[in-house]
N, C-alpha and C. Protein backbone atom coordinates (compact mmCIF):
# COMPACT_ATOMS: atom_id res chain seq x y z
N MET A 1 48.68 7.52 -37.27
CA MET A 1 49.46 7.95 -36.13
C MET A 1 48.59 8.78 -35.17
N LYS A 2 47.82 9.73 -35.74
CA LYS A 2 46.93 10.55 -34.94
C LYS A 2 45.90 9.69 -34.21
N HIS A 3 45.38 8.66 -34.89
CA HIS A 3 44.40 7.75 -34.32
C HIS A 3 44.99 6.98 -33.13
N SER A 4 46.23 6.50 -33.27
CA SER A 4 46.84 5.74 -32.18
C SER A 4 47.16 6.63 -31.00
N LEU A 5 47.48 7.92 -31.22
CA LEU A 5 47.71 8.85 -30.11
C LEU A 5 46.40 9.09 -29.35
N THR A 6 45.30 9.20 -30.06
CA THR A 6 44.00 9.40 -29.43
C THR A 6 43.64 8.19 -28.58
N LEU A 7 43.85 6.98 -29.12
CA LEU A 7 43.57 5.77 -28.35
C LEU A 7 44.46 5.68 -27.12
N THR A 8 45.73 6.07 -27.26
CA THR A 8 46.65 6.06 -26.12
C THR A 8 46.17 7.04 -25.06
N ALA A 9 45.72 8.23 -25.48
CA ALA A 9 45.23 9.23 -24.52
C ALA A 9 43.98 8.73 -23.81
N ILE A 10 43.06 8.10 -24.54
CA ILE A 10 41.84 7.56 -23.94
C ILE A 10 42.18 6.45 -22.95
N ALA A 11 43.12 5.59 -23.33
CA ALA A 11 43.54 4.51 -22.42
C ALA A 11 44.13 5.09 -21.15
N GLY A 12 44.91 6.17 -21.27
CA GLY A 12 45.48 6.82 -20.09
C GLY A 12 44.42 7.39 -19.20
N ILE A 13 43.39 8.00 -19.77
CA ILE A 13 42.29 8.57 -18.99
C ILE A 13 41.54 7.46 -18.27
N LEU A 14 41.26 6.35 -18.96
CA LEU A 14 40.55 5.23 -18.34
C LEU A 14 41.38 4.64 -17.22
N THR A 15 42.69 4.52 -17.41
CA THR A 15 43.56 3.99 -16.36
C THR A 15 43.53 4.91 -15.15
N PHE A 16 43.58 6.24 -15.40
CA PHE A 16 43.52 7.20 -14.30
C PHE A 16 42.18 7.10 -13.57
N ALA A 17 41.08 6.99 -14.32
CA ALA A 17 39.75 6.88 -13.70
C ALA A 17 39.64 5.62 -12.87
N ALA A 18 40.17 4.51 -13.40
CA ALA A 18 40.12 3.24 -12.66
C ALA A 18 40.94 3.34 -11.39
N ALA A 19 42.11 3.99 -11.44
CA ALA A 19 42.95 4.13 -10.25
C ALA A 19 42.26 5.01 -9.22
N SER A 20 41.59 6.07 -9.67
CA SER A 20 40.87 6.93 -8.73
C SER A 20 39.75 6.16 -8.05
N ALA A 21 39.00 5.38 -8.80
CA ALA A 21 37.91 4.61 -8.22
C ALA A 21 38.46 3.58 -7.25
N PHE A 22 39.59 2.97 -7.57
CA PHE A 22 40.19 1.97 -6.70
C PHE A 22 40.63 2.61 -5.39
N ALA A 23 41.18 3.82 -5.45
CA ALA A 23 41.64 4.49 -4.25
C ALA A 23 40.47 4.82 -3.33
N GLN A 24 39.28 5.02 -3.89
CA GLN A 24 38.12 5.36 -3.08
C GLN A 24 37.38 4.12 -2.60
N ALA A 25 37.75 2.96 -3.08
CA ALA A 25 37.03 1.75 -2.70
C ALA A 25 38.00 0.76 -2.09
N PRO A 26 38.40 0.92 -0.81
CA PRO A 26 39.32 -0.03 -0.21
C PRO A 26 38.69 -1.41 -0.14
N GLY A 27 39.54 -2.42 -0.17
CA GLY A 27 39.06 -3.78 -0.09
C GLY A 27 38.69 -4.35 -1.45
N THR A 28 39.06 -3.68 -2.52
CA THR A 28 38.78 -4.21 -3.84
C THR A 28 40.08 -4.63 -4.49
N VAL A 29 40.01 -5.64 -5.35
CA VAL A 29 41.18 -6.07 -6.09
C VAL A 29 41.34 -5.27 -7.35
N GLY A 30 40.24 -5.02 -8.04
CA GLY A 30 40.35 -4.31 -9.29
C GLY A 30 39.15 -3.44 -9.54
N ALA A 31 39.41 -2.45 -10.34
CA ALA A 31 38.32 -1.57 -10.75
C ALA A 31 38.52 -1.29 -12.22
N GLY A 32 37.45 -1.07 -12.92
CA GLY A 32 37.59 -0.79 -14.33
C GLY A 32 36.28 -0.43 -14.95
N VAL A 33 36.30 -0.42 -16.27
CA VAL A 33 35.11 -0.07 -17.02
C VAL A 33 34.62 -1.32 -17.72
N SER A 34 33.33 -1.61 -17.56
CA SER A 34 32.76 -2.80 -18.18
C SER A 34 32.44 -2.52 -19.64
N ALA A 35 31.96 -3.53 -20.32
CA ALA A 35 31.66 -3.42 -21.75
C ALA A 35 30.62 -2.35 -22.04
N ASN A 36 29.68 -2.14 -21.13
CA ASN A 36 28.65 -1.13 -21.37
C ASN A 36 29.04 0.25 -20.85
N GLY A 37 30.33 0.43 -20.45
CA GLY A 37 30.83 1.74 -20.08
C GLY A 37 30.66 2.09 -18.61
N LEU A 38 30.15 1.18 -17.79
CA LEU A 38 29.95 1.47 -16.38
C LEU A 38 31.17 1.06 -15.57
N THR A 39 31.50 1.83 -14.54
CA THR A 39 32.60 1.48 -13.65
C THR A 39 32.19 0.27 -12.83
N GLN A 40 33.14 -0.63 -12.61
CA GLN A 40 32.85 -1.82 -11.82
C GLN A 40 33.99 -2.07 -10.84
N PHE A 41 33.67 -2.76 -9.72
CA PHE A 41 34.63 -3.09 -8.70
C PHE A 41 34.49 -4.56 -8.36
N LYS A 42 35.63 -5.20 -8.09
CA LYS A 42 35.60 -6.62 -7.73
C LYS A 42 36.03 -6.76 -6.28
N ASP A 43 35.21 -7.42 -5.47
CA ASP A 43 35.53 -7.66 -4.07
C ASP A 43 36.55 -8.78 -3.98
N GLU A 44 37.67 -8.52 -3.32
CA GLU A 44 38.75 -9.50 -3.25
C GLU A 44 38.39 -10.75 -2.46
N LYS A 45 37.48 -10.65 -1.49
CA LYS A 45 37.14 -11.81 -0.68
C LYS A 45 36.08 -12.69 -1.31
N THR A 46 35.06 -12.06 -1.91
CA THR A 46 33.96 -12.86 -2.45
C THR A 46 34.04 -13.04 -3.96
N GLY A 47 34.80 -12.18 -4.64
CA GLY A 47 34.87 -12.23 -6.09
C GLY A 47 33.69 -11.58 -6.77
N LYS A 48 32.75 -11.04 -5.99
CA LYS A 48 31.57 -10.40 -6.57
C LYS A 48 31.97 -9.11 -7.27
N VAL A 49 31.39 -8.88 -8.44
CA VAL A 49 31.64 -7.67 -9.20
C VAL A 49 30.47 -6.73 -8.97
N TRP A 50 30.79 -5.51 -8.48
CA TRP A 50 29.78 -4.51 -8.19
C TRP A 50 29.77 -3.46 -9.30
N THR A 51 28.58 -3.11 -9.75
CA THR A 51 28.41 -2.06 -10.74
C THR A 51 27.32 -1.13 -10.22
N PRO A 52 27.17 0.05 -10.79
CA PRO A 52 26.08 0.92 -10.35
C PRO A 52 24.71 0.27 -10.49
N GLU A 53 24.58 -0.70 -11.38
CA GLU A 53 23.28 -1.34 -11.58
C GLU A 53 22.90 -2.28 -10.45
N ASN A 54 23.91 -2.90 -9.80
CA ASN A 54 23.54 -3.80 -8.71
C ASN A 54 23.83 -3.20 -7.34
N VAL A 55 24.21 -1.93 -7.29
CA VAL A 55 24.43 -1.26 -6.01
C VAL A 55 23.40 -0.17 -5.79
N SER A 56 23.11 0.61 -6.81
CA SER A 56 22.27 1.79 -6.64
C SER A 56 21.09 1.77 -7.59
N LYS A 57 20.01 2.37 -7.15
CA LYS A 57 18.84 2.50 -8.01
C LYS A 57 18.75 3.89 -8.61
N ASP A 58 19.76 4.72 -8.38
CA ASP A 58 19.71 6.10 -8.82
C ASP A 58 19.62 6.24 -10.34
N ASN A 59 20.20 5.29 -11.08
CA ASN A 59 20.22 5.42 -12.54
C ASN A 59 19.07 4.66 -13.20
N GLN A 60 18.10 4.20 -12.42
CA GLN A 60 16.97 3.46 -12.99
C GLN A 60 15.81 4.40 -13.28
N THR A 61 15.01 4.01 -14.24
CA THR A 61 13.81 4.78 -14.56
C THR A 61 12.78 4.58 -13.45
N PRO A 62 11.79 5.46 -13.33
CA PRO A 62 10.75 5.25 -12.31
C PRO A 62 10.03 3.92 -12.47
N GLN A 63 9.86 3.44 -13.72
CA GLN A 63 9.20 2.15 -13.94
C GLN A 63 10.06 1.00 -13.39
N GLN A 64 11.40 1.10 -13.60
CA GLN A 64 12.28 0.05 -13.07
C GLN A 64 12.27 0.08 -11.54
N GLN A 65 12.28 1.28 -10.95
CA GLN A 65 12.27 1.38 -9.50
C GLN A 65 10.97 0.85 -8.93
N ALA A 66 9.83 1.11 -9.59
CA ALA A 66 8.54 0.63 -9.11
C ALA A 66 8.47 -0.90 -9.15
N ALA A 67 9.18 -1.52 -10.10
CA ALA A 67 9.16 -2.97 -10.23
C ALA A 67 10.02 -3.65 -9.16
N MET A 68 10.93 -2.90 -8.53
CA MET A 68 11.81 -3.48 -7.52
C MET A 68 11.05 -3.61 -6.19
N PRO A 69 11.28 -4.70 -5.46
CA PRO A 69 10.62 -4.82 -4.15
C PRO A 69 11.14 -3.74 -3.20
N GLN A 70 10.25 -3.18 -2.37
CA GLN A 70 10.64 -2.16 -1.40
C GLN A 70 10.60 -2.75 0.00
N SER A 71 11.77 -3.12 0.49
CA SER A 71 11.84 -3.62 1.85
C SER A 71 12.23 -2.48 2.78
N SER A 72 12.16 -2.73 4.08
CA SER A 72 12.56 -1.69 5.03
C SER A 72 14.05 -1.41 4.91
N THR A 73 14.84 -2.40 4.49
CA THR A 73 16.27 -2.18 4.29
C THR A 73 16.51 -1.22 3.14
N ASP A 74 15.72 -1.33 2.07
CA ASP A 74 15.85 -0.39 0.95
C ASP A 74 15.58 1.03 1.43
N LYS A 75 14.59 1.20 2.29
CA LYS A 75 14.22 2.53 2.75
C LYS A 75 15.32 3.17 3.59
N ALA A 76 16.16 2.37 4.21
CA ALA A 76 17.26 2.92 5.02
C ALA A 76 18.20 3.73 4.17
N PHE A 77 18.31 3.39 2.89
CA PHE A 77 19.21 4.09 2.00
C PHE A 77 18.52 5.22 1.25
N ASP A 78 17.24 5.45 1.54
CA ASP A 78 16.50 6.53 0.92
C ASP A 78 15.72 7.25 2.02
N PRO A 79 16.38 8.22 2.71
CA PRO A 79 15.72 8.88 3.84
C PRO A 79 14.41 9.54 3.47
N ASN A 80 14.25 9.96 2.21
CA ASN A 80 13.02 10.63 1.80
C ASN A 80 11.82 9.69 1.76
N SER A 81 12.07 8.38 1.70
CA SER A 81 10.96 7.43 1.63
C SER A 81 10.38 7.12 3.01
N GLN A 82 11.08 7.52 4.07
CA GLN A 82 10.60 7.26 5.42
C GLN A 82 9.75 8.44 5.88
N VAL A 83 8.51 8.15 6.22
CA VAL A 83 7.61 9.20 6.70
C VAL A 83 7.40 8.96 8.19
N VAL A 84 7.96 9.87 9.00
CA VAL A 84 7.87 9.73 10.45
C VAL A 84 7.53 11.09 11.03
N SER A 85 6.53 11.13 11.91
CA SER A 85 6.26 12.39 12.61
C SER A 85 7.25 12.48 13.77
N THR A 86 7.83 13.66 13.92
CA THR A 86 8.85 13.84 14.95
C THR A 86 8.23 13.73 16.34
N GLN A 87 8.81 12.86 17.14
CA GLN A 87 8.35 12.67 18.51
C GLN A 87 9.19 13.56 19.43
N VAL A 88 8.59 14.07 20.48
CA VAL A 88 9.33 14.79 21.51
C VAL A 88 9.24 13.95 22.78
N VAL A 89 10.40 13.58 23.30
CA VAL A 89 10.47 12.64 24.42
C VAL A 89 11.25 13.27 25.57
N LEU A 90 10.78 13.07 26.80
CA LEU A 90 11.48 13.52 28.00
C LEU A 90 12.07 12.29 28.69
N GLN A 91 13.36 12.35 29.02
CA GLN A 91 14.02 11.24 29.70
C GLN A 91 14.74 11.74 30.93
N ARG A 92 14.77 10.90 31.97
CA ARG A 92 15.51 11.18 33.20
C ARG A 92 16.36 9.95 33.50
N PRO A 93 17.45 9.76 32.75
CA PRO A 93 18.24 8.54 32.92
C PRO A 93 19.07 8.53 34.20
N LYS A 94 19.33 7.35 34.67
CA LYS A 94 20.23 7.18 35.82
C LYS A 94 21.64 7.13 35.28
N GLY A 95 22.51 7.98 35.81
CA GLY A 95 23.87 8.08 35.30
C GLY A 95 24.85 7.20 36.06
N ASN A 96 26.02 7.07 35.48
CA ASN A 96 27.14 6.36 36.12
C ASN A 96 28.28 7.35 36.29
N LEU A 97 28.76 7.49 37.53
CA LEU A 97 29.88 8.39 37.79
C LEU A 97 31.15 7.79 37.20
N MET A 98 31.79 8.53 36.29
CA MET A 98 32.98 8.03 35.61
C MET A 98 34.27 8.44 36.32
N GLY A 99 34.20 9.53 37.10
CA GLY A 99 35.38 10.04 37.79
C GLY A 99 35.27 11.54 37.94
N THR A 100 36.39 12.17 38.28
CA THR A 100 36.41 13.62 38.44
C THR A 100 37.51 14.22 37.56
N VAL A 101 37.33 15.49 37.26
CA VAL A 101 38.30 16.24 36.44
C VAL A 101 38.65 17.52 37.18
N PRO A 102 39.75 18.18 36.81
CA PRO A 102 40.09 19.46 37.44
C PRO A 102 39.02 20.51 37.14
N ILE A 103 38.82 21.42 38.08
CA ILE A 103 37.87 22.53 37.92
C ILE A 103 38.50 23.54 36.96
N THR A 104 37.87 23.73 35.79
CA THR A 104 38.45 24.61 34.76
C THR A 104 37.48 25.63 34.22
N ALA A 105 36.25 25.68 34.74
CA ALA A 105 35.26 26.61 34.19
C ALA A 105 35.75 28.04 34.33
N GLY A 106 35.49 28.82 33.30
CA GLY A 106 35.92 30.21 33.30
C GLY A 106 35.46 30.89 32.03
N PRO A 107 36.07 32.01 31.67
CA PRO A 107 35.63 32.75 30.49
C PRO A 107 35.71 31.95 29.19
N ASN A 108 36.68 31.04 29.09
CA ASN A 108 36.86 30.27 27.85
C ASN A 108 36.47 28.81 27.98
N VAL A 109 36.05 28.38 29.16
CA VAL A 109 35.66 26.98 29.38
C VAL A 109 34.24 26.96 29.93
N PRO A 110 33.31 26.29 29.25
CA PRO A 110 31.92 26.26 29.73
C PRO A 110 31.78 25.48 31.04
N VAL A 111 30.70 25.78 31.75
CA VAL A 111 30.43 25.10 33.02
C VAL A 111 30.21 23.61 32.78
N VAL A 112 29.42 23.27 31.76
CA VAL A 112 29.10 21.87 31.44
C VAL A 112 29.47 21.61 29.98
N VAL A 113 30.15 20.50 29.74
CA VAL A 113 30.45 20.08 28.37
C VAL A 113 30.00 18.64 28.19
N ILE A 114 29.63 18.30 26.95
CA ILE A 114 29.30 16.92 26.62
C ILE A 114 30.20 16.47 25.49
N ASP A 115 30.60 15.21 25.55
CA ASP A 115 31.39 14.63 24.46
C ASP A 115 30.46 14.26 23.33
N SER A 116 31.00 14.17 22.14
CA SER A 116 30.19 13.75 20.99
C SER A 116 29.62 12.37 21.27
N PRO A 117 28.30 12.26 21.24
CA PRO A 117 27.70 10.96 21.54
C PRO A 117 27.86 9.99 20.37
N TRP A 118 27.96 8.72 20.67
CA TRP A 118 27.96 7.71 19.62
C TRP A 118 26.56 7.13 19.51
N LEU A 119 26.33 6.36 18.48
CA LEU A 119 24.99 5.85 18.18
C LEU A 119 25.08 4.37 17.83
N GLN A 120 24.18 3.59 18.40
CA GLN A 120 24.11 2.17 18.03
C GLN A 120 22.67 1.70 18.13
N ALA A 121 22.38 0.63 17.41
CA ALA A 121 21.04 0.05 17.44
C ALA A 121 21.05 -1.15 18.39
N VAL A 122 20.12 -1.18 19.31
CA VAL A 122 19.94 -2.35 20.17
C VAL A 122 18.93 -3.24 19.44
N PRO A 123 19.35 -4.41 18.95
CA PRO A 123 18.46 -5.23 18.12
C PRO A 123 17.08 -5.43 18.73
N GLN A 124 16.06 -5.19 17.92
CA GLN A 124 14.65 -5.35 18.26
C GLN A 124 14.22 -4.45 19.42
N GLN A 125 14.98 -3.38 19.66
CA GLN A 125 14.60 -2.44 20.72
C GLN A 125 14.68 -1.01 20.19
N ASN A 126 15.58 -0.21 20.73
CA ASN A 126 15.68 1.20 20.38
C ASN A 126 17.10 1.56 19.97
N TRP A 127 17.22 2.73 19.34
CA TRP A 127 18.53 3.33 19.11
C TRP A 127 19.04 3.79 20.46
N LEU A 128 20.35 3.67 20.68
CA LEU A 128 20.94 4.02 21.97
C LEU A 128 22.14 4.91 21.74
N SER A 129 22.24 5.94 22.57
CA SER A 129 23.41 6.81 22.57
C SER A 129 23.86 6.94 24.02
N VAL A 130 25.13 7.20 24.22
CA VAL A 130 25.64 7.45 25.57
C VAL A 130 26.28 8.82 25.57
N LEU A 131 25.85 9.65 26.51
CA LEU A 131 26.42 11.00 26.68
C LEU A 131 27.39 10.98 27.84
N TYR A 132 28.53 11.60 27.64
CA TYR A 132 29.47 11.82 28.73
C TYR A 132 29.43 13.30 29.05
N VAL A 133 28.99 13.64 30.25
CA VAL A 133 28.76 15.02 30.67
C VAL A 133 29.75 15.35 31.78
N THR A 134 30.46 16.48 31.60
CA THR A 134 31.46 16.90 32.58
C THR A 134 31.08 18.25 33.17
N ASN A 135 31.08 18.33 34.50
CA ASN A 135 30.86 19.58 35.23
C ASN A 135 32.23 20.19 35.49
N ASN A 136 32.55 21.27 34.79
CA ASN A 136 33.85 21.92 34.95
C ASN A 136 33.89 22.93 36.08
N SER A 137 32.77 23.10 36.79
CA SER A 137 32.69 24.15 37.81
C SER A 137 32.90 23.58 39.21
N ALA A 138 32.98 24.50 40.18
CA ALA A 138 33.13 24.13 41.58
C ALA A 138 31.77 24.03 42.28
N ASN A 139 30.67 24.11 41.51
CA ASN A 139 29.32 24.05 42.06
C ASN A 139 28.60 22.79 41.62
N VAL A 140 27.54 22.45 42.34
CA VAL A 140 26.66 21.36 41.90
C VAL A 140 25.82 21.91 40.75
N VAL A 141 25.69 21.12 39.67
CA VAL A 141 24.98 21.58 38.47
C VAL A 141 23.86 20.60 38.12
N ASP A 142 22.69 21.16 37.84
CA ASP A 142 21.56 20.39 37.30
C ASP A 142 21.49 20.73 35.82
N ALA A 143 21.94 19.83 34.97
CA ALA A 143 22.00 20.12 33.53
C ALA A 143 20.82 19.49 32.80
N VAL A 144 20.44 20.16 31.72
CA VAL A 144 19.44 19.64 30.80
C VAL A 144 20.08 19.63 29.42
N VAL A 145 19.97 18.49 28.72
CA VAL A 145 20.59 18.32 27.40
C VAL A 145 19.49 18.00 26.40
N GLY A 146 19.62 18.54 25.20
CA GLY A 146 18.70 18.21 24.12
C GLY A 146 19.42 17.40 23.05
N CYS A 147 18.83 16.30 22.63
CA CYS A 147 19.40 15.45 21.58
C CYS A 147 18.36 15.30 20.46
N THR A 148 18.84 15.33 19.23
CA THR A 148 17.97 15.13 18.07
C THR A 148 18.48 13.93 17.28
N PHE A 149 17.63 12.94 17.09
CA PHE A 149 17.94 11.78 16.27
C PHE A 149 17.42 12.08 14.86
N THR A 150 18.29 11.93 13.85
CA THR A 150 17.91 12.28 12.48
C THR A 150 18.21 11.13 11.52
N ASN A 151 17.56 11.20 10.37
CA ASN A 151 17.83 10.29 9.27
C ASN A 151 17.91 11.13 8.01
N GLY A 152 19.07 11.19 7.40
CA GLY A 152 19.25 12.01 6.21
C GLY A 152 18.99 13.47 6.48
N GLY A 153 19.32 13.94 7.68
CA GLY A 153 19.11 15.33 8.04
C GLY A 153 17.70 15.66 8.50
N ARG A 154 16.80 14.70 8.45
CA ARG A 154 15.41 14.94 8.86
C ARG A 154 15.21 14.40 10.27
N PRO A 155 14.73 15.24 11.21
CA PRO A 155 14.55 14.78 12.59
C PRO A 155 13.46 13.72 12.69
N VAL A 156 13.73 12.69 13.50
CA VAL A 156 12.73 11.65 13.76
C VAL A 156 12.38 11.58 15.25
N GLN A 157 13.25 12.15 16.11
CA GLN A 157 12.92 12.22 17.53
C GLN A 157 13.75 13.33 18.18
N ASP A 158 13.06 14.21 18.91
CA ASP A 158 13.72 15.21 19.75
C ASP A 158 13.61 14.74 21.18
N THR A 159 14.73 14.72 21.88
CA THR A 159 14.74 14.21 23.24
C THR A 159 15.30 15.28 24.18
N ARG A 160 14.61 15.51 25.27
CA ARG A 160 15.11 16.39 26.31
C ARG A 160 15.51 15.50 27.47
N ILE A 161 16.78 15.62 27.90
CA ILE A 161 17.31 14.76 28.95
C ILE A 161 17.57 15.60 30.19
N VAL A 162 16.84 15.30 31.27
CA VAL A 162 17.06 15.96 32.55
C VAL A 162 18.02 15.09 33.33
N LEU A 163 19.23 15.61 33.55
CA LEU A 163 20.28 14.83 34.20
C LEU A 163 20.24 15.00 35.71
N GLN A 164 20.69 13.99 36.41
CA GLN A 164 20.77 14.10 37.86
C GLN A 164 21.89 15.09 38.21
N PRO A 165 21.83 15.71 39.38
CA PRO A 165 22.83 16.70 39.74
C PRO A 165 24.25 16.11 39.71
N SER A 166 25.18 16.93 39.21
CA SER A 166 26.59 16.50 39.21
C SER A 166 27.39 17.45 40.06
N GLY A 167 28.24 16.86 40.91
CA GLY A 167 29.05 17.65 41.83
C GLY A 167 30.24 18.30 41.13
N PRO A 168 30.99 19.10 41.87
CA PRO A 168 32.14 19.80 41.30
C PRO A 168 33.12 18.84 40.62
N GLY A 169 33.42 19.12 39.36
CA GLY A 169 34.41 18.34 38.61
C GLY A 169 33.99 16.93 38.27
N GLU A 170 32.74 16.56 38.46
CA GLU A 170 32.32 15.18 38.19
C GLU A 170 32.04 14.96 36.70
N ARG A 171 32.38 13.77 36.25
CA ARG A 171 32.12 13.35 34.87
C ARG A 171 31.20 12.15 34.93
N TRP A 172 30.05 12.25 34.22
CA TRP A 172 29.03 11.21 34.26
C TRP A 172 28.76 10.65 32.87
N GLY A 173 28.33 9.40 32.83
CA GLY A 173 27.86 8.78 31.60
C GLY A 173 26.37 8.51 31.72
N PHE A 174 25.60 8.91 30.70
CA PHE A 174 24.14 8.76 30.74
C PHE A 174 23.66 8.06 29.47
N PRO A 175 22.84 6.99 29.59
CA PRO A 175 22.24 6.40 28.40
C PRO A 175 21.07 7.26 27.91
N VAL A 176 20.97 7.42 26.61
CA VAL A 176 19.87 8.17 26.00
C VAL A 176 19.26 7.28 24.92
N TYR A 177 17.96 7.06 25.01
CA TYR A 177 17.29 6.17 24.06
C TYR A 177 16.59 6.97 22.97
N GLY A 178 16.79 6.52 21.75
CA GLY A 178 16.14 7.11 20.59
C GLY A 178 14.90 6.33 20.23
N PRO A 179 14.43 6.50 18.99
CA PRO A 179 13.22 5.79 18.56
C PRO A 179 13.49 4.30 18.39
N PRO A 180 12.44 3.50 18.19
CA PRO A 180 12.64 2.07 17.92
C PRO A 180 13.50 1.88 16.67
N VAL A 181 14.19 0.75 16.61
CA VAL A 181 15.09 0.50 15.47
C VAL A 181 14.33 0.33 14.16
N THR A 182 13.01 0.20 14.22
CA THR A 182 12.22 0.15 12.98
C THR A 182 12.19 1.52 12.30
N THR A 183 12.55 2.57 13.02
CA THR A 183 12.73 3.90 12.45
C THR A 183 14.20 4.06 12.13
N PHE A 184 14.52 4.45 10.91
CA PHE A 184 15.92 4.56 10.53
C PHE A 184 16.52 5.86 11.05
N VAL A 185 17.71 5.74 11.63
CA VAL A 185 18.44 6.86 12.21
C VAL A 185 19.88 6.75 11.75
N ASP A 186 20.47 7.87 11.30
CA ASP A 186 21.87 7.81 10.92
C ASP A 186 22.75 8.77 11.72
N ARG A 187 22.12 9.56 12.62
CA ARG A 187 22.91 10.52 13.38
C ARG A 187 22.15 10.99 14.61
N VAL A 188 22.92 11.32 15.65
CA VAL A 188 22.36 11.97 16.83
C VAL A 188 23.26 13.16 17.16
N THR A 189 22.64 14.30 17.40
CA THR A 189 23.39 15.49 17.82
C THR A 189 22.80 15.98 19.14
N CYS A 190 23.70 16.38 20.06
CA CYS A 190 23.26 16.80 21.38
C CYS A 190 23.87 18.14 21.73
N ARG A 191 23.15 18.91 22.55
CA ARG A 191 23.61 20.22 22.99
C ARG A 191 23.14 20.45 24.42
N VAL A 192 23.92 21.24 25.16
CA VAL A 192 23.55 21.59 26.52
C VAL A 192 22.51 22.71 26.45
N LEU A 193 21.34 22.49 27.06
CA LEU A 193 20.28 23.50 27.08
C LEU A 193 20.40 24.38 28.31
N SER A 194 20.75 23.79 29.46
CA SER A 194 20.99 24.57 30.68
C SER A 194 21.89 23.75 31.60
N PRO A 195 22.75 24.33 32.39
CA PRO A 195 22.99 25.76 32.44
C PRO A 195 23.74 26.21 31.19
N ALA A 196 23.46 27.44 30.73
CA ALA A 196 24.07 27.96 29.51
C ALA A 196 25.51 28.36 29.76
């Protein structure tokens, strides 16, 4: 009786673990534990079964990792394997006037604000981000923005963007180019350098 209660408790724990893994992996039909004790997931569209052994190299010995081919795609998932000296780039992009906004600059509203930039790769060219810059003041503003392109938290390019003057309440869109797509980038962060 004690033995069957233990097996029932273990089965309950495994069911709970499988349900937790399923909740974290949308697009799967089933999740469970394989014969060797590893969690596995089945893709509902392809039927492929994913395990830590065919997804990640984290649990492999250094000898197993050395035997695996190292492509540039593999390096994208291991930011520490990419060795890049940080470049500092100056850009003066031509902007597009998006429209105007009410004048709101004051003690709690900065003169210039930028929206969170998005990031995309232009195939066989460079990483591209677009900044939306808004002049909240009643004056013409010459803004300078700094953007840092990073991979795994490590900077790969620092960019200083000198923007064309923006009139009172104007909102502009500016393209900002990062490093070539052969350099892996997973994030871009931007900040207004001037006017402060």
